[in-house]
């Protein structure tokens, strides 16, 4: 029993023969600078060809065709350069005055009495009402604006009572702010 026999593996794992894929990297690239240089070379070669053809005796139709091609080429280049300038101008600083996206809202102090009342009526319902002083010719009332009519406003006083004031007798509306 001293002899050891070589045993075959009890569990066979088959490995498939993989073919490693080829890496196809980018071999050609272009940039704007390279494209512009290529176009300039083409223009120079076209102009040289046109110049050599004019020196030689070539029928007038061919000269007109090359001249027409050059004009078309120039028109295309002008169009493309215009597009590039527009793209560049969109990111550059301009001297034009920028218009704000939102209209400026007047501060409460800048508003007249009717605008202040409209502001208080349209105040967001999610926020607590703003206590104000409503001044008339004879008295000043502290409270919250409840409603507004064409002739009257209704003010809720701090003691939970309401009072009606005539719009024509109203001199000023001032915000008090919240007191602690």
N, C-alpha and C. Protein backbone atom coordinates (compact mmCIF):
# COMPACT_ATOMS: atom_id res chain seq x y z
N UNK A 1 0.79 -1.17 0.00
CA UNK A 1 0.00 0.00 0.00
C UNK A 1 0.86 1.26 0.00
N UNK A 2 2.05 1.09 -0.02
CA UNK A 2 2.94 2.22 -0.07
C UNK A 2 2.92 2.90 -1.42
N UNK A 3 2.50 2.15 -2.39
CA UNK A 3 2.41 2.74 -3.72
C UNK A 3 1.19 3.67 -3.78
N UNK A 4 1.43 4.85 -4.26
CA UNK A 4 0.32 5.79 -4.44
C UNK A 4 -0.05 5.79 -5.89
N UNK A 5 -1.25 5.62 -6.14
CA UNK A 5 -1.73 5.64 -7.51
C UNK A 5 -2.19 7.05 -7.84
N UNK A 6 -1.91 7.45 -9.04
CA UNK A 6 -2.39 8.75 -9.49
C UNK A 6 -3.85 8.63 -9.85
N UNK A 7 -4.65 9.38 -9.18
CA UNK A 7 -6.09 9.29 -9.41
C UNK A 7 -6.52 10.40 -10.34
N UNK A 8 -7.50 10.12 -11.10
CA UNK A 8 -8.09 11.13 -11.96
C UNK A 8 -8.97 12.04 -11.10
N UNK A 9 -9.12 13.28 -11.52
CA UNK A 9 -9.98 14.16 -10.72
C UNK A 9 -11.41 13.66 -10.69
N UNK A 10 -12.04 13.82 -9.59
CA UNK A 10 -13.40 13.35 -9.42
C UNK A 10 -14.42 14.33 -10.01
N UNK A 11 -14.04 15.59 -10.12
CA UNK A 11 -14.96 16.60 -10.61
C UNK A 11 -14.31 17.30 -11.80
N UNK A 12 -14.94 17.18 -12.95
CA UNK A 12 -14.37 17.76 -14.16
C UNK A 12 -15.00 19.14 -14.42
N UNK A 13 -14.15 20.08 -14.68
CA UNK A 13 -14.63 21.41 -15.04
C UNK A 13 -14.11 21.69 -16.43
N UNK A 14 -15.03 21.86 -17.33
CA UNK A 14 -14.61 22.15 -18.70
C UNK A 14 -14.53 23.66 -18.90
N UNK A 15 -13.45 24.08 -19.47
CA UNK A 15 -13.26 25.48 -19.79
C UNK A 15 -13.37 25.66 -21.29
N UNK A 16 -14.26 26.52 -21.75
CA UNK A 16 -14.36 26.72 -23.20
C UNK A 16 -13.14 27.50 -23.71
N UNK A 17 -12.86 27.35 -24.95
CA UNK A 17 -11.76 28.09 -25.56
C UNK A 17 -12.29 29.44 -25.99
N UNK A 18 -11.90 30.46 -25.25
CA UNK A 18 -12.34 31.82 -25.55
C UNK A 18 -11.45 32.44 -26.61
N UNK A 19 -12.09 33.19 -27.50
CA UNK A 19 -11.32 34.00 -28.42
C UNK A 19 -11.36 35.43 -27.89
N UNK A 20 -10.22 35.99 -27.66
CA UNK A 20 -10.16 37.33 -27.11
C UNK A 20 -10.54 38.31 -28.22
N UNK A 21 -11.52 39.18 -27.96
CA UNK A 21 -11.96 40.12 -29.00
C UNK A 21 -10.86 41.14 -29.30
N UNK A 22 -10.88 41.60 -30.52
CA UNK A 22 -9.91 42.61 -30.93
C UNK A 22 -10.40 43.98 -30.47
N UNK A 23 -9.48 44.80 -30.03
CA UNK A 23 -9.81 46.16 -29.63
C UNK A 23 -9.71 47.05 -30.85
N UNK A 24 -10.81 47.64 -31.18
CA UNK A 24 -10.82 48.55 -32.33
C UNK A 24 -10.86 49.97 -31.79
N UNK A 25 -9.74 50.55 -31.69
CA UNK A 25 -9.64 51.91 -31.17
C UNK A 25 -9.86 52.91 -32.28
N UNK A 26 -10.08 54.13 -31.88
CA UNK A 26 -10.28 55.20 -32.85
C UNK A 26 -8.94 55.50 -33.50
N UNK A 27 -8.94 55.45 -34.81
CA UNK A 27 -7.67 55.69 -35.52
C UNK A 27 -7.68 57.03 -36.21
N UNK A 28 -8.85 57.59 -36.49
CA UNK A 28 -8.95 58.87 -37.18
C UNK A 28 -9.74 59.82 -36.31
N UNK A 29 -9.26 61.04 -36.20
CA UNK A 29 -9.99 62.05 -35.47
C UNK A 29 -9.90 63.36 -36.23
N UNK A 30 -10.79 64.27 -35.87
CA UNK A 30 -10.75 65.58 -36.51
C UNK A 30 -11.04 66.63 -35.46
N UNK A 31 -10.49 67.79 -35.69
CA UNK A 31 -10.76 68.91 -34.81
C UNK A 31 -11.08 70.12 -35.67
N UNK A 32 -11.60 71.13 -35.05
CA UNK A 32 -11.98 72.32 -35.82
C UNK A 32 -10.76 72.95 -36.48
N UNK A 33 -9.67 72.99 -35.74
CA UNK A 33 -8.47 73.60 -36.28
C UNK A 33 -8.00 72.82 -37.50
N UNK A 34 -7.99 71.50 -37.40
CA UNK A 34 -7.55 70.66 -38.51
C UNK A 34 -8.48 70.82 -39.70
N UNK A 35 -9.80 70.90 -39.42
CA UNK A 35 -10.76 71.08 -40.52
C UNK A 35 -10.56 72.42 -41.20
N UNK A 36 -10.32 73.46 -40.43
CA UNK A 36 -10.11 74.79 -41.02
C UNK A 36 -8.84 74.80 -41.87
N UNK A 37 -7.77 74.17 -41.37
CA UNK A 37 -6.54 74.11 -42.15
C UNK A 37 -6.77 73.34 -43.45
N UNK A 38 -7.52 72.24 -43.36
CA UNK A 38 -7.80 71.44 -44.56
C UNK A 38 -8.60 72.25 -45.57
N UNK A 39 -9.59 73.02 -45.08
CA UNK A 39 -10.38 73.86 -45.99
C UNK A 39 -9.53 74.93 -46.64
N UNK A 40 -8.62 75.54 -45.85
CA UNK A 40 -7.74 76.56 -46.41
C UNK A 40 -6.85 75.97 -47.49
N UNK A 41 -6.35 74.76 -47.24
CA UNK A 41 -5.50 74.11 -48.26
C UNK A 41 -6.30 73.83 -49.52
N UNK A 42 -7.56 73.40 -49.34
CA UNK A 42 -8.40 73.14 -50.51
C UNK A 42 -8.65 74.43 -51.27
N UNK A 43 -8.92 75.51 -50.55
CA UNK A 43 -9.16 76.80 -51.22
C UNK A 43 -7.91 77.25 -51.97
N UNK A 44 -6.75 77.11 -51.32
CA UNK A 44 -5.51 77.49 -51.98
C UNK A 44 -5.28 76.66 -53.23
N UNK A 45 -5.52 75.35 -53.11
CA UNK A 45 -5.31 74.48 -54.27
C UNK A 45 -6.31 74.81 -55.38
N UNK A 46 -7.57 75.12 -54.99
CA UNK A 46 -8.55 75.49 -56.01
C UNK A 46 -8.15 76.79 -56.70
N UNK A 47 -7.67 77.75 -55.91
CA UNK A 47 -7.25 79.01 -56.50
C UNK A 47 -6.03 78.81 -57.40
N UNK A 48 -5.08 77.95 -56.97
CA UNK A 48 -3.92 77.66 -57.79
C UNK A 48 -4.33 76.98 -59.08
N UNK A 49 -5.28 76.04 -58.94
CA UNK A 49 -5.76 75.34 -60.14
C UNK A 49 -6.46 76.31 -61.07
N UNK A 50 -7.27 77.18 -60.49
CA UNK A 50 -7.97 78.16 -61.32
C UNK A 50 -6.96 79.08 -62.00
N UNK A 51 -5.90 79.48 -61.26
CA UNK A 51 -4.88 80.36 -61.83
C UNK A 51 -4.11 79.67 -62.93
N UNK A 52 -3.76 78.40 -62.75
CA UNK A 52 -3.01 77.69 -63.79
C UNK A 52 -3.88 77.41 -64.99
N UNK A 53 -5.16 77.18 -64.76
CA UNK A 53 -6.05 76.93 -65.89
C UNK A 53 -6.25 78.18 -66.71
N UNK A 54 -6.30 79.32 -66.03
CA UNK A 54 -6.48 80.56 -66.79
C UNK A 54 -5.25 80.85 -67.64
N UNK A 55 -4.07 80.50 -67.12
CA UNK A 55 -2.85 80.72 -67.88
C UNK A 55 -2.83 79.83 -69.12
N UNK A 56 -3.32 78.63 -68.95
CA UNK A 56 -3.38 77.72 -70.09
C UNK A 56 -4.59 78.09 -70.92
N UNK A 57 -4.63 77.57 -72.10
CA UNK A 57 -5.80 77.84 -72.94
C UNK A 57 -6.83 76.76 -72.66
N UNK A 58 -7.85 77.13 -71.88
CA UNK A 58 -8.92 76.22 -71.50
C UNK A 58 -10.21 76.84 -72.00
N UNK A 59 -11.15 76.02 -72.43
CA UNK A 59 -12.43 76.57 -72.88
C UNK A 59 -13.07 77.39 -71.77
N UNK A 60 -13.84 78.41 -72.18
CA UNK A 60 -14.45 79.34 -71.23
C UNK A 60 -15.46 78.66 -70.31
N UNK A 61 -16.10 77.59 -70.75
CA UNK A 61 -17.10 76.90 -69.93
C UNK A 61 -16.46 76.32 -68.68
N UNK A 62 -15.26 75.73 -68.82
CA UNK A 62 -14.60 75.13 -67.66
C UNK A 62 -14.18 76.21 -66.66
N UNK A 63 -13.72 77.35 -67.16
CA UNK A 63 -13.33 78.44 -66.28
C UNK A 63 -14.54 78.93 -65.51
N UNK A 64 -15.68 79.04 -66.15
CA UNK A 64 -16.91 79.48 -65.48
C UNK A 64 -17.34 78.48 -64.43
N UNK A 65 -17.19 77.17 -64.73
CA UNK A 65 -17.57 76.13 -63.76
C UNK A 65 -16.71 76.21 -62.51
N UNK A 66 -15.39 76.37 -62.68
CA UNK A 66 -14.51 76.45 -61.51
C UNK A 66 -14.78 77.74 -60.73
N UNK A 67 -15.04 78.82 -61.44
CA UNK A 67 -15.36 80.08 -60.76
C UNK A 67 -16.67 79.93 -60.00
N UNK A 68 -17.65 79.25 -60.56
CA UNK A 68 -18.93 79.01 -59.89
C UNK A 68 -18.74 78.13 -58.67
N UNK A 69 -17.85 77.13 -58.79
CA UNK A 69 -17.58 76.26 -57.65
C UNK A 69 -16.92 77.05 -56.52
N UNK A 70 -16.01 77.94 -56.89
CA UNK A 70 -15.32 78.74 -55.88
C UNK A 70 -16.32 79.64 -55.17
N UNK A 71 -17.24 80.23 -55.93
CA UNK A 71 -18.25 81.10 -55.32
C UNK A 71 -19.15 80.31 -54.37
N UNK A 72 -19.54 79.12 -54.78
CA UNK A 72 -20.38 78.27 -53.93
C UNK A 72 -19.61 77.89 -52.67
N UNK A 73 -18.34 77.53 -52.83
CA UNK A 73 -17.49 77.16 -51.70
C UNK A 73 -17.38 78.33 -50.71
N UNK A 74 -17.18 79.54 -51.25
CA UNK A 74 -17.07 80.72 -50.40
C UNK A 74 -18.38 80.99 -49.65
N UNK A 75 -19.50 80.80 -50.33
CA UNK A 75 -20.80 81.02 -49.70
C UNK A 75 -21.01 80.03 -48.55
N UNK A 76 -20.60 78.79 -48.77
CA UNK A 76 -20.74 77.77 -47.73
C UNK A 76 -19.86 78.12 -46.54
N UNK A 77 -18.64 78.55 -46.79
CA UNK A 77 -17.72 78.90 -45.72
C UNK A 77 -18.24 80.10 -44.91
N UNK A 78 -18.81 81.09 -45.60
CA UNK A 78 -19.36 82.25 -44.91
C UNK A 78 -20.51 81.83 -43.99
N UNK A 79 -21.34 80.93 -44.49
CA UNK A 79 -22.47 80.44 -43.70
C UNK A 79 -21.96 79.71 -42.46
N UNK A 80 -20.98 78.83 -42.63
CA UNK A 80 -20.44 78.07 -41.51
C UNK A 80 -19.75 78.98 -40.50
N UNK A 81 -19.00 79.97 -41.00
CA UNK A 81 -18.32 80.88 -40.08
C UNK A 81 -19.35 81.71 -39.30
N UNK A 82 -20.46 82.07 -39.94
CA UNK A 82 -21.54 82.78 -39.26
C UNK A 82 -22.14 81.95 -38.15
N UNK A 83 -22.30 80.66 -38.40
CA UNK A 83 -22.84 79.76 -37.38
C UNK A 83 -21.88 79.64 -36.21
N UNK A 84 -20.58 79.54 -36.51
CA UNK A 84 -19.59 79.43 -35.44
C UNK A 84 -19.55 80.69 -34.60
N UNK A 85 -19.68 81.85 -35.24
CA UNK A 85 -19.68 83.11 -34.51
C UNK A 85 -20.89 83.19 -33.59
N UNK A 86 -22.04 82.72 -34.07
CA UNK A 86 -23.25 82.74 -33.24
C UNK A 86 -23.08 81.84 -32.04
N UNK A 87 -22.47 80.65 -32.24
CA UNK A 87 -22.25 79.75 -31.12
C UNK A 87 -21.31 80.38 -30.12
N UNK A 88 -20.26 80.99 -30.60
CA UNK A 88 -19.29 81.63 -29.72
C UNK A 88 -19.89 82.81 -29.00
N UNK A 89 -20.74 83.56 -29.65
CA UNK A 89 -21.34 84.75 -29.05
C UNK A 89 -22.32 84.38 -27.94
N UNK A 90 -22.89 83.18 -28.00
CA UNK A 90 -23.86 82.81 -26.98
C UNK A 90 -23.19 82.64 -25.62
N UNK A 91 -21.89 82.31 -25.59
CA UNK A 91 -21.20 82.12 -24.33
C UNK A 91 -20.38 83.34 -23.92
N UNK A 92 -20.14 84.23 -24.85
CA UNK A 92 -19.32 85.40 -24.55
C UNK A 92 -20.17 86.47 -23.87
N UNK A 93 -19.49 87.39 -23.20
CA UNK A 93 -20.21 88.49 -22.57
C UNK A 93 -20.66 89.46 -23.65
N UNK A 94 -21.87 89.94 -23.50
CA UNK A 94 -22.40 90.89 -24.47
C UNK A 94 -22.59 92.23 -23.78
N UNK A 95 -22.60 93.26 -24.58
CA UNK A 95 -22.78 94.60 -24.04
C UNK A 95 -24.25 94.96 -23.92
N UNK A 96 -25.12 94.12 -24.45
CA UNK A 96 -26.55 94.40 -24.38
C UNK A 96 -27.02 94.26 -22.94
N UNK A 97 -28.00 95.07 -22.57
CA UNK A 97 -28.55 95.00 -21.23
C UNK A 97 -29.45 93.77 -21.13
N UNK A 98 -29.18 92.94 -20.15
CA UNK A 98 -29.96 91.72 -19.97
C UNK A 98 -31.30 92.06 -19.32
N UNK A 99 -32.33 91.42 -19.79
CA UNK A 99 -33.65 91.62 -19.22
C UNK A 99 -33.87 90.60 -18.12
N UNK A 100 -34.38 91.02 -16.96
CA UNK A 100 -34.61 90.05 -15.89
C UNK A 100 -35.76 89.11 -16.27
N UNK A 101 -35.67 87.88 -15.79
CA UNK A 101 -36.70 86.90 -16.12
C UNK A 101 -37.99 87.15 -15.33
N UNK A 102 -37.88 87.80 -14.19
CA UNK A 102 -39.06 88.11 -13.38
C UNK A 102 -39.26 89.61 -13.34
N UNK A 103 -40.52 90.02 -13.29
CA UNK A 103 -40.80 91.44 -13.14
C UNK A 103 -40.56 91.84 -11.69
N UNK A 104 -39.97 92.99 -11.50
CA UNK A 104 -39.69 93.46 -10.15
C UNK A 104 -41.00 93.84 -9.47
N UNK A 105 -41.15 93.39 -8.25
CA UNK A 105 -42.34 93.70 -7.47
C UNK A 105 -42.01 94.90 -6.60
N UNK A 106 -42.94 95.85 -6.56
CA UNK A 106 -42.74 97.03 -5.73
C UNK A 106 -42.70 96.63 -4.27
N UNK A 107 -41.94 97.38 -3.50
CA UNK A 107 -41.97 97.15 -2.06
C UNK A 107 -43.26 97.75 -1.51
N UNK A 108 -43.63 97.32 -0.33
CA UNK A 108 -44.89 97.77 0.26
C UNK A 108 -44.87 99.29 0.48
N UNK A 109 -43.71 99.84 0.77
CA UNK A 109 -43.60 101.28 1.02
C UNK A 109 -43.81 102.10 -0.25
N UNK A 110 -43.47 101.52 -1.41
CA UNK A 110 -43.60 102.23 -2.68
C UNK A 110 -45.03 102.23 -3.22
N UNK A 111 -45.87 101.34 -2.71
CA UNK A 111 -47.23 101.20 -3.22
C UNK A 111 -48.13 102.31 -2.68
N UNK A 112 -49.15 102.63 -3.47
CA UNK A 112 -50.15 103.56 -2.95
C UNK A 112 -51.19 102.76 -2.14
N UNK A 113 -52.17 103.43 -1.59
CA UNK A 113 -53.10 102.80 -0.66
C UNK A 113 -53.89 101.66 -1.30
N UNK A 114 -54.41 101.88 -2.52
CA UNK A 114 -55.21 100.83 -3.17
C UNK A 114 -54.34 99.62 -3.53
N UNK A 115 -53.11 99.85 -3.96
CA UNK A 115 -52.21 98.73 -4.26
C UNK A 115 -51.88 97.94 -3.00
N UNK A 116 -51.73 98.65 -1.87
CA UNK A 116 -51.46 97.97 -0.61
C UNK A 116 -52.64 97.09 -0.21
N UNK A 117 -53.84 97.60 -0.41
CA UNK A 117 -55.03 96.79 -0.07
C UNK A 117 -55.12 95.56 -0.97
N UNK A 118 -54.85 95.73 -2.26
CA UNK A 118 -54.87 94.58 -3.17
C UNK A 118 -53.81 93.55 -2.77
N UNK A 119 -52.64 94.04 -2.37
CA UNK A 119 -51.56 93.15 -1.94
C UNK A 119 -51.99 92.35 -0.71
N UNK A 120 -52.62 93.02 0.25
CA UNK A 120 -53.04 92.34 1.47
C UNK A 120 -54.16 91.33 1.20
N UNK A 121 -55.05 91.65 0.25
CA UNK A 121 -56.13 90.71 -0.09
C UNK A 121 -55.55 89.48 -0.78
N UNK A 122 -54.58 89.68 -1.67
CA UNK A 122 -54.00 88.57 -2.43
C UNK A 122 -52.83 87.90 -1.70
N UNK A 123 -52.63 88.22 -0.44
CA UNK A 123 -51.54 87.63 0.33
C UNK A 123 -51.75 86.12 0.43
N UNK A 124 -50.67 85.31 0.33
CA UNK A 124 -50.85 83.84 0.34
C UNK A 124 -51.57 83.35 1.59
N UNK A 125 -52.49 82.43 1.41
CA UNK A 125 -53.29 81.92 2.52
C UNK A 125 -52.48 80.99 3.42
N UNK A 126 -51.34 80.46 2.90
CA UNK A 126 -50.51 79.57 3.70
C UNK A 126 -49.78 80.33 4.82
N UNK A 127 -49.58 81.64 4.61
CA UNK A 127 -48.89 82.46 5.59
C UNK A 127 -49.90 83.14 6.50
N UNK A 128 -49.50 83.45 7.73
CA UNK A 128 -50.44 84.13 8.62
C UNK A 128 -50.71 85.55 8.11
N UNK A 129 -51.90 86.09 8.38
CA UNK A 129 -52.21 87.45 7.91
C UNK A 129 -51.32 88.47 8.61
N UNK A 130 -51.07 89.57 7.90
CA UNK A 130 -50.18 90.60 8.42
C UNK A 130 -51.00 91.67 9.13
N UNK A 131 -50.68 91.95 10.40
CA UNK A 131 -51.40 93.02 11.09
C UNK A 131 -50.96 94.38 10.55
N UNK A 132 -51.93 95.28 10.39
CA UNK A 132 -51.67 96.60 9.82
C UNK A 132 -52.37 97.68 10.63
N UNK A 133 -51.95 98.90 10.37
CA UNK A 133 -52.64 100.07 10.92
C UNK A 133 -53.36 100.74 9.75
N UNK A 134 -54.67 100.89 9.89
CA UNK A 134 -55.49 101.54 8.86
C UNK A 134 -55.85 102.93 9.39
N UNK A 135 -55.27 103.96 8.78
CA UNK A 135 -55.46 105.32 9.26
C UNK A 135 -56.54 106.02 8.44
N UNK A 136 -57.47 106.61 9.16
CA UNK A 136 -58.48 107.46 8.52
C UNK A 136 -58.24 108.88 9.04
N UNK A 137 -59.07 109.80 8.61
CA UNK A 137 -58.91 111.18 9.04
C UNK A 137 -59.10 111.36 10.54
N UNK A 138 -59.97 110.55 11.17
CA UNK A 138 -60.29 110.73 12.58
C UNK A 138 -59.66 109.71 13.52
N UNK A 139 -59.31 108.50 13.03
CA UNK A 139 -58.76 107.49 13.93
C UNK A 139 -57.83 106.53 13.18
N UNK A 140 -57.13 105.72 13.95
CA UNK A 140 -56.25 104.68 13.40
C UNK A 140 -56.68 103.35 14.01
N UNK A 141 -56.89 102.37 13.13
CA UNK A 141 -57.38 101.06 13.58
C UNK A 141 -56.30 100.02 13.31
N UNK A 142 -56.06 99.16 14.33
CA UNK A 142 -55.10 98.08 14.18
C UNK A 142 -55.84 96.76 14.00
N UNK A 143 -55.40 96.00 12.97
CA UNK A 143 -56.05 94.72 12.75
C UNK A 143 -55.60 94.09 11.44
N UNK A 144 -56.38 93.10 11.00
CA UNK A 144 -56.10 92.36 9.77
C UNK A 144 -57.15 92.67 8.73
N UNK A 145 -56.75 92.82 7.48
CA UNK A 145 -57.70 93.06 6.39
C UNK A 145 -58.39 91.74 6.07
N UNK A 146 -59.73 91.76 6.13
CA UNK A 146 -60.51 90.55 5.88
C UNK A 146 -61.05 90.55 4.45
N UNK A 147 -61.67 91.66 4.03
CA UNK A 147 -62.25 91.72 2.69
C UNK A 147 -62.23 93.16 2.19
N UNK A 148 -62.37 93.26 0.89
CA UNK A 148 -62.35 94.59 0.28
C UNK A 148 -63.47 94.64 -0.75
N UNK A 149 -64.21 95.73 -0.72
CA UNK A 149 -65.29 95.99 -1.66
C UNK A 149 -64.93 97.26 -2.42
N UNK A 150 -65.73 97.66 -3.36
CA UNK A 150 -65.46 98.89 -4.11
C UNK A 150 -65.57 100.12 -3.21
N UNK A 151 -66.41 100.05 -2.18
CA UNK A 151 -66.62 101.21 -1.31
C UNK A 151 -66.11 100.99 0.11
N UNK A 152 -66.05 99.73 0.56
CA UNK A 152 -65.73 99.44 1.96
C UNK A 152 -64.60 98.42 2.07
N UNK A 153 -63.90 98.47 3.20
CA UNK A 153 -63.00 97.39 3.58
C UNK A 153 -63.43 96.89 4.95
N UNK A 154 -63.18 95.62 5.18
CA UNK A 154 -63.55 95.04 6.47
C UNK A 154 -62.27 94.64 7.19
N UNK A 155 -62.11 95.13 8.41
CA UNK A 155 -60.90 94.91 9.19
C UNK A 155 -61.27 94.12 10.44
N UNK A 156 -60.51 93.05 10.70
CA UNK A 156 -60.71 92.26 11.91
C UNK A 156 -59.74 92.77 12.96
N UNK A 157 -60.29 93.25 14.08
CA UNK A 157 -59.49 93.83 15.14
C UNK A 157 -58.87 92.73 16.00
N UNK A 158 -57.94 93.11 16.88
CA UNK A 158 -57.26 92.12 17.72
C UNK A 158 -58.18 91.51 18.78
N UNK A 159 -59.29 92.18 19.07
CA UNK A 159 -60.25 91.63 20.04
C UNK A 159 -61.34 90.80 19.34
N UNK A 160 -61.05 90.34 18.11
CA UNK A 160 -61.91 89.44 17.31
C UNK A 160 -63.17 90.11 16.79
N UNK A 161 -63.34 91.42 16.96
CA UNK A 161 -64.50 92.10 16.38
C UNK A 161 -64.10 92.63 14.99
N UNK A 162 -65.10 92.92 14.15
CA UNK A 162 -64.83 93.45 12.81
C UNK A 162 -65.37 94.86 12.70
N UNK A 163 -64.73 95.62 11.84
CA UNK A 163 -65.16 97.01 11.65
C UNK A 163 -65.06 97.32 10.16
N UNK A 164 -66.06 98.07 9.65
CA UNK A 164 -66.07 98.49 8.25
C UNK A 164 -65.55 99.91 8.15
N UNK A 165 -64.68 100.13 7.15
CA UNK A 165 -64.16 101.47 6.89
C UNK A 165 -64.47 101.84 5.46
N UNK A 166 -64.77 103.12 5.25
CA UNK A 166 -65.03 103.64 3.92
C UNK A 166 -63.68 103.82 3.20
N UNK A 167 -63.59 103.40 1.95
CA UNK A 167 -62.34 103.52 1.19
C UNK A 167 -61.93 104.97 0.98
N UNK A 168 -62.90 105.85 0.81
CA UNK A 168 -62.60 107.26 0.57
C UNK A 168 -62.03 107.94 1.81
N UNK A 169 -62.42 107.46 2.99
CA UNK A 169 -61.91 108.07 4.22
C UNK A 169 -60.54 107.50 4.61
N UNK A 170 -60.12 106.41 3.98
CA UNK A 170 -58.84 105.76 4.30
C UNK A 170 -57.68 106.60 3.79
N UNK A 171 -56.77 106.99 4.69
CA UNK A 171 -55.63 107.83 4.32
C UNK A 171 -54.37 107.00 4.06
N UNK A 172 -54.08 106.01 4.92
CA UNK A 172 -52.85 105.25 4.79
C UNK A 172 -53.03 103.85 5.37
N UNK A 173 -52.22 102.93 4.87
CA UNK A 173 -52.17 101.57 5.38
C UNK A 173 -50.70 101.27 5.66
N UNK A 174 -50.41 100.89 6.92
CA UNK A 174 -49.02 100.59 7.29
C UNK A 174 -48.97 99.21 7.93
N UNK A 175 -47.91 98.46 7.62
CA UNK A 175 -47.70 97.16 8.22
C UNK A 175 -47.12 97.34 9.61
N UNK A 176 -47.65 96.56 10.56
CA UNK A 176 -47.10 96.57 11.93
C UNK A 176 -46.07 95.48 12.05
N UNK A 177 -46.39 94.31 11.55
CA UNK A 177 -45.52 93.15 11.74
C UNK A 177 -46.04 92.34 12.91
N UNK A 178 -45.48 91.18 13.10
CA UNK A 178 -45.93 90.31 14.17
C UNK A 178 -45.26 90.73 15.48
N UNK A 179 -46.06 90.79 16.55
CA UNK A 179 -45.54 91.15 17.86
C UNK A 179 -45.55 89.91 18.73
N UNK A 180 -44.59 89.87 19.65
CA UNK A 180 -44.49 88.69 20.53
C UNK A 180 -45.01 88.97 21.89
